[in-house]
């Protein structure tokens, strides 16, 4: 499967072509221009350098956030326009999930962090230790649900009120 990937969720913009598990080309730029000025020329350069016929791609992947609102709109609009013109499907990739996949196979807890400005961050907690990529929150929710239905824990307002009184 050949995929054109676009990430404009942050200050840095990246365009890549991936074929199966091999990155064929990657172009990253962190310059004082907006993504609306750089993204299409980046795609054009990657296409020229790899002698890629865009009709031969199978899909277009685009970073879907969190991230810069304007950057996300530019990336999504670019991907949508190309997908429509080429009749190719779009693949939404959550930005923080994409960061976590940089260390796919690591069995530790993974915590990618992106600057959200104003002393805030975008983050998530992940693990690949059970053979499938899962957020730790998803695992914890499953465990809590099982414990609740087994009658081993109580959740809700009653518990919160009794807990506060202690």
Protein backbone atom coordinates (compact mmCIF):
# COMPACT_ATOMS: atom_id res chain seq x y z
CA UNK A 1 0.00 0.00 0.00
CA UNK A 2 1.36 3.40 -1.01
CA UNK A 3 0.27 6.33 1.17
CA UNK A 4 0.84 10.07 0.87
CA UNK A 5 1.04 11.42 4.43
CA UNK A 6 0.52 15.05 5.44
CA UNK A 7 1.12 16.62 8.86
CA UNK A 8 0.54 20.32 9.38
CA UNK A 9 -0.68 20.14 12.97
CA UNK A 10 2.24 22.06 14.48
CA UNK A 11 4.86 24.64 13.57
CA UNK A 12 6.67 22.05 11.46
CA UNK A 13 5.04 20.71 8.30
CA UNK A 14 5.84 17.25 6.95
CA UNK A 15 4.94 15.39 3.78
CA UNK A 16 5.91 11.75 3.29
CA UNK A 17 5.37 8.86 0.94
CA UNK A 18 5.21 5.46 2.61
CA UNK A 19 5.08 2.17 0.76
CA UNK A 20 4.11 -0.78 2.95
CA UNK A 21 6.56 -0.40 5.88
CA UNK A 22 9.20 1.65 4.02
CA UNK A 23 9.38 5.45 4.07
CA UNK A 24 10.17 6.30 0.45
CA UNK A 25 10.43 10.07 0.92
CA UNK A 26 9.99 12.61 3.68
CA UNK A 27 10.11 16.40 3.47
CA UNK A 28 9.97 18.44 6.68
CA UNK A 29 10.13 22.20 6.93
CA UNK A 30 10.19 24.51 9.92
CA UNK A 31 10.40 27.96 8.43
CA UNK A 32 8.68 31.31 8.95
CA UNK A 33 6.10 30.68 6.23
CA UNK A 34 2.58 29.41 6.77
CA UNK A 35 1.56 25.90 5.85
CA UNK A 36 -0.65 27.37 3.14
CA UNK A 37 2.54 28.64 1.47
CA UNK A 38 4.64 25.50 1.95
CA UNK A 39 2.45 22.38 1.91
CA UNK A 40 1.60 22.10 -1.80
CA UNK A 41 5.16 22.97 -2.93
CA UNK A 42 6.43 20.29 -0.52
CA UNK A 43 4.10 17.70 -2.04
CA UNK A 44 5.14 18.78 -5.52
CA UNK A 45 8.84 18.42 -4.61
CA UNK A 46 8.36 14.94 -3.13
CA UNK A 47 6.42 13.88 -6.23
CA UNK A 48 9.18 15.17 -8.52
CA UNK A 49 12.08 13.71 -6.51
CA UNK A 50 10.52 10.25 -6.30
CA UNK A 51 9.05 10.37 -9.81
CA UNK A 52 5.72 9.51 -8.21
CA UNK A 53 2.51 9.43 -10.19
CA UNK A 54 -0.11 10.55 -7.63
CA UNK A 55 -2.65 8.28 -9.32
CA UNK A 56 -0.65 5.31 -8.02
CA UNK A 57 -1.14 6.13 -4.34
CA UNK A 58 -3.72 4.07 -2.47
CA UNK A 59 -4.69 6.61 0.19
CA UNK A 60 -3.90 9.98 1.74
CA UNK A 61 -3.19 10.14 5.48
CA UNK A 62 -3.59 13.43 7.30
CA UNK A 63 -2.83 14.46 10.87
CA UNK A 64 -6.17 15.24 12.46
CA UNK A 65 -5.16 16.93 15.66
CA UNK A 66 -4.79 18.00 18.27
CA UNK A 67 -2.71 20.88 17.07
CA UNK A 68 -2.79 24.28 15.45
CA UNK A 69 -6.37 24.94 14.32
CA UNK A 70 -5.29 26.78 11.18
CA UNK A 71 -2.60 24.21 10.40
CA UNK A 72 -5.10 21.37 10.78
CA UNK A 73 -7.55 23.09 8.44
CA UNK A 74 -4.85 23.65 5.82
CA UNK A 75 -3.69 20.02 5.99
CA UNK A 76 -7.23 18.65 5.94
CA UNK A 77 -8.29 20.87 3.04
CA UNK A 78 -5.19 19.92 1.06
CA UNK A 79 -5.75 16.20 1.71
CA UNK A 80 -9.45 16.46 0.94
CA UNK A 81 -8.82 18.31 -2.32
CA UNK A 82 -6.22 15.78 -3.45
CA UNK A 83 -8.38 12.87 -2.34
CA UNK A 84 -11.36 14.21 -4.27
CA UNK A 85 -9.32 14.96 -7.41
CA UNK A 86 -7.61 11.55 -7.34
CA UNK A 87 -10.60 9.55 -6.02
CA UNK A 88 -8.47 8.32 -3.10
CA UNK A 89 -9.65 7.65 0.47
CA UNK A 90 -8.48 9.78 3.39
CA UNK A 91 -7.04 8.29 6.57
CA UNK A 92 -7.38 10.36 9.74
CA UNK A 93 -4.38 9.96 12.06
CA UNK A 94 -4.68 11.53 15.52
CA UNK A 95 -1.49 13.56 15.95
CA UNK A 96 -0.52 12.26 19.39
CA UNK A 97 -1.21 8.66 18.28
CA UNK A 98 1.17 9.25 15.38
CA UNK A 99 3.84 10.45 17.78
CA UNK A 100 3.37 7.34 19.92
CA UNK A 101 3.82 5.11 16.88
CA UNK A 102 7.38 6.43 16.49
CA UNK A 103 8.33 3.93 19.18
CA UNK A 104 6.03 1.10 18.10
CA UNK A 105 7.13 -2.15 19.68
CA UNK A 106 8.33 -0.50 22.88
CA UNK A 107 6.63 -2.26 25.77
CA UNK A 108 6.99 0.63 28.23
CA UNK A 109 4.48 3.36 28.91
CA UNK A 110 4.75 6.01 26.19
CA UNK A 111 3.78 9.63 26.77
CA UNK A 112 4.17 11.88 23.71
CA UNK A 113 3.80 15.59 24.43
CA UNK A 114 3.08 18.49 22.07
CA UNK A 115 3.25 22.16 22.98
CA UNK A 116 -0.28 23.59 23.00
CA UNK A 117 1.01 27.08 23.87
CA UNK A 118 -0.05 29.17 26.86
CA UNK A 119 1.72 26.73 29.23
CA UNK A 120 -0.46 23.82 28.11
CA UNK A 121 0.31 20.57 26.29
CA UNK A 122 -1.45 17.93 24.20
CA UNK A 123 -0.60 14.47 25.44
CA UNK A 124 -1.71 10.88 25.81
CA UNK A 125 -0.48 7.76 27.53
CA UNK A 126 0.01 4.64 25.42
CA UNK A 127 1.33 1.12 25.58
CA UNK A 128 2.06 -1.54 22.97
CA UNK A 129 2.80 -4.21 25.60
CA UNK A 130 -0.31 -6.32 24.99
CA UNK A 131 0.39 -6.70 21.29
CA UNK A 132 -2.11 -4.04 20.28
CA UNK A 133 -1.69 -0.26 20.47
CA UNK A 134 -3.94 1.00 23.22
CA UNK A 135 -4.20 4.10 25.26
CA UNK A 136 -3.67 3.42 28.92
CA UNK A 137 -6.95 5.24 29.62
CA UNK A 138 -8.76 2.64 27.50
CA UNK A 139 -7.13 -0.17 29.45
CA UNK A 140 -7.93 1.46 32.80
CA UNK A 141 -11.56 2.00 31.71
CA UNK A 142 -11.82 -1.70 30.85
CA UNK A 143 -10.37 -2.76 34.19
CA UNK A 144 -12.66 -0.40 36.12
CA UNK A 145 -15.70 -1.66 34.19
CA UNK A 146 -14.81 -5.27 34.98
CA UNK A 147 -14.26 -4.47 38.67
CA UNK A 148 -17.55 -2.55 38.82
CA UNK A 149 -19.58 -5.38 37.30
CA UNK A 150 -17.85 -7.87 39.58
CA UNK A 151 -19.08 -5.79 42.54
CA UNK A 152 -15.55 -5.06 43.72
CA UNK A 153 -15.78 -1.28 43.40
CA UNK A 154 -18.55 1.30 43.49
CA UNK A 155 -18.59 4.38 41.31
CA UNK A 156 -20.82 7.41 41.12
CA UNK A 157 -22.11 10.20 43.27
CA UNK A 158 -22.72 8.04 46.33
CA UNK A 159 -19.10 6.91 46.37
CA UNK A 160 -17.82 10.43 45.74
CA UNK A 161 -19.94 11.84 48.59
CA UNK A 162 -18.90 9.14 51.05
CA UNK A 163 -15.29 9.48 49.95
CA UNK A 164 -15.32 13.25 50.59
CA UNK A 165 -16.64 12.76 54.12
CA UNK A 166 -13.70 10.56 55.11
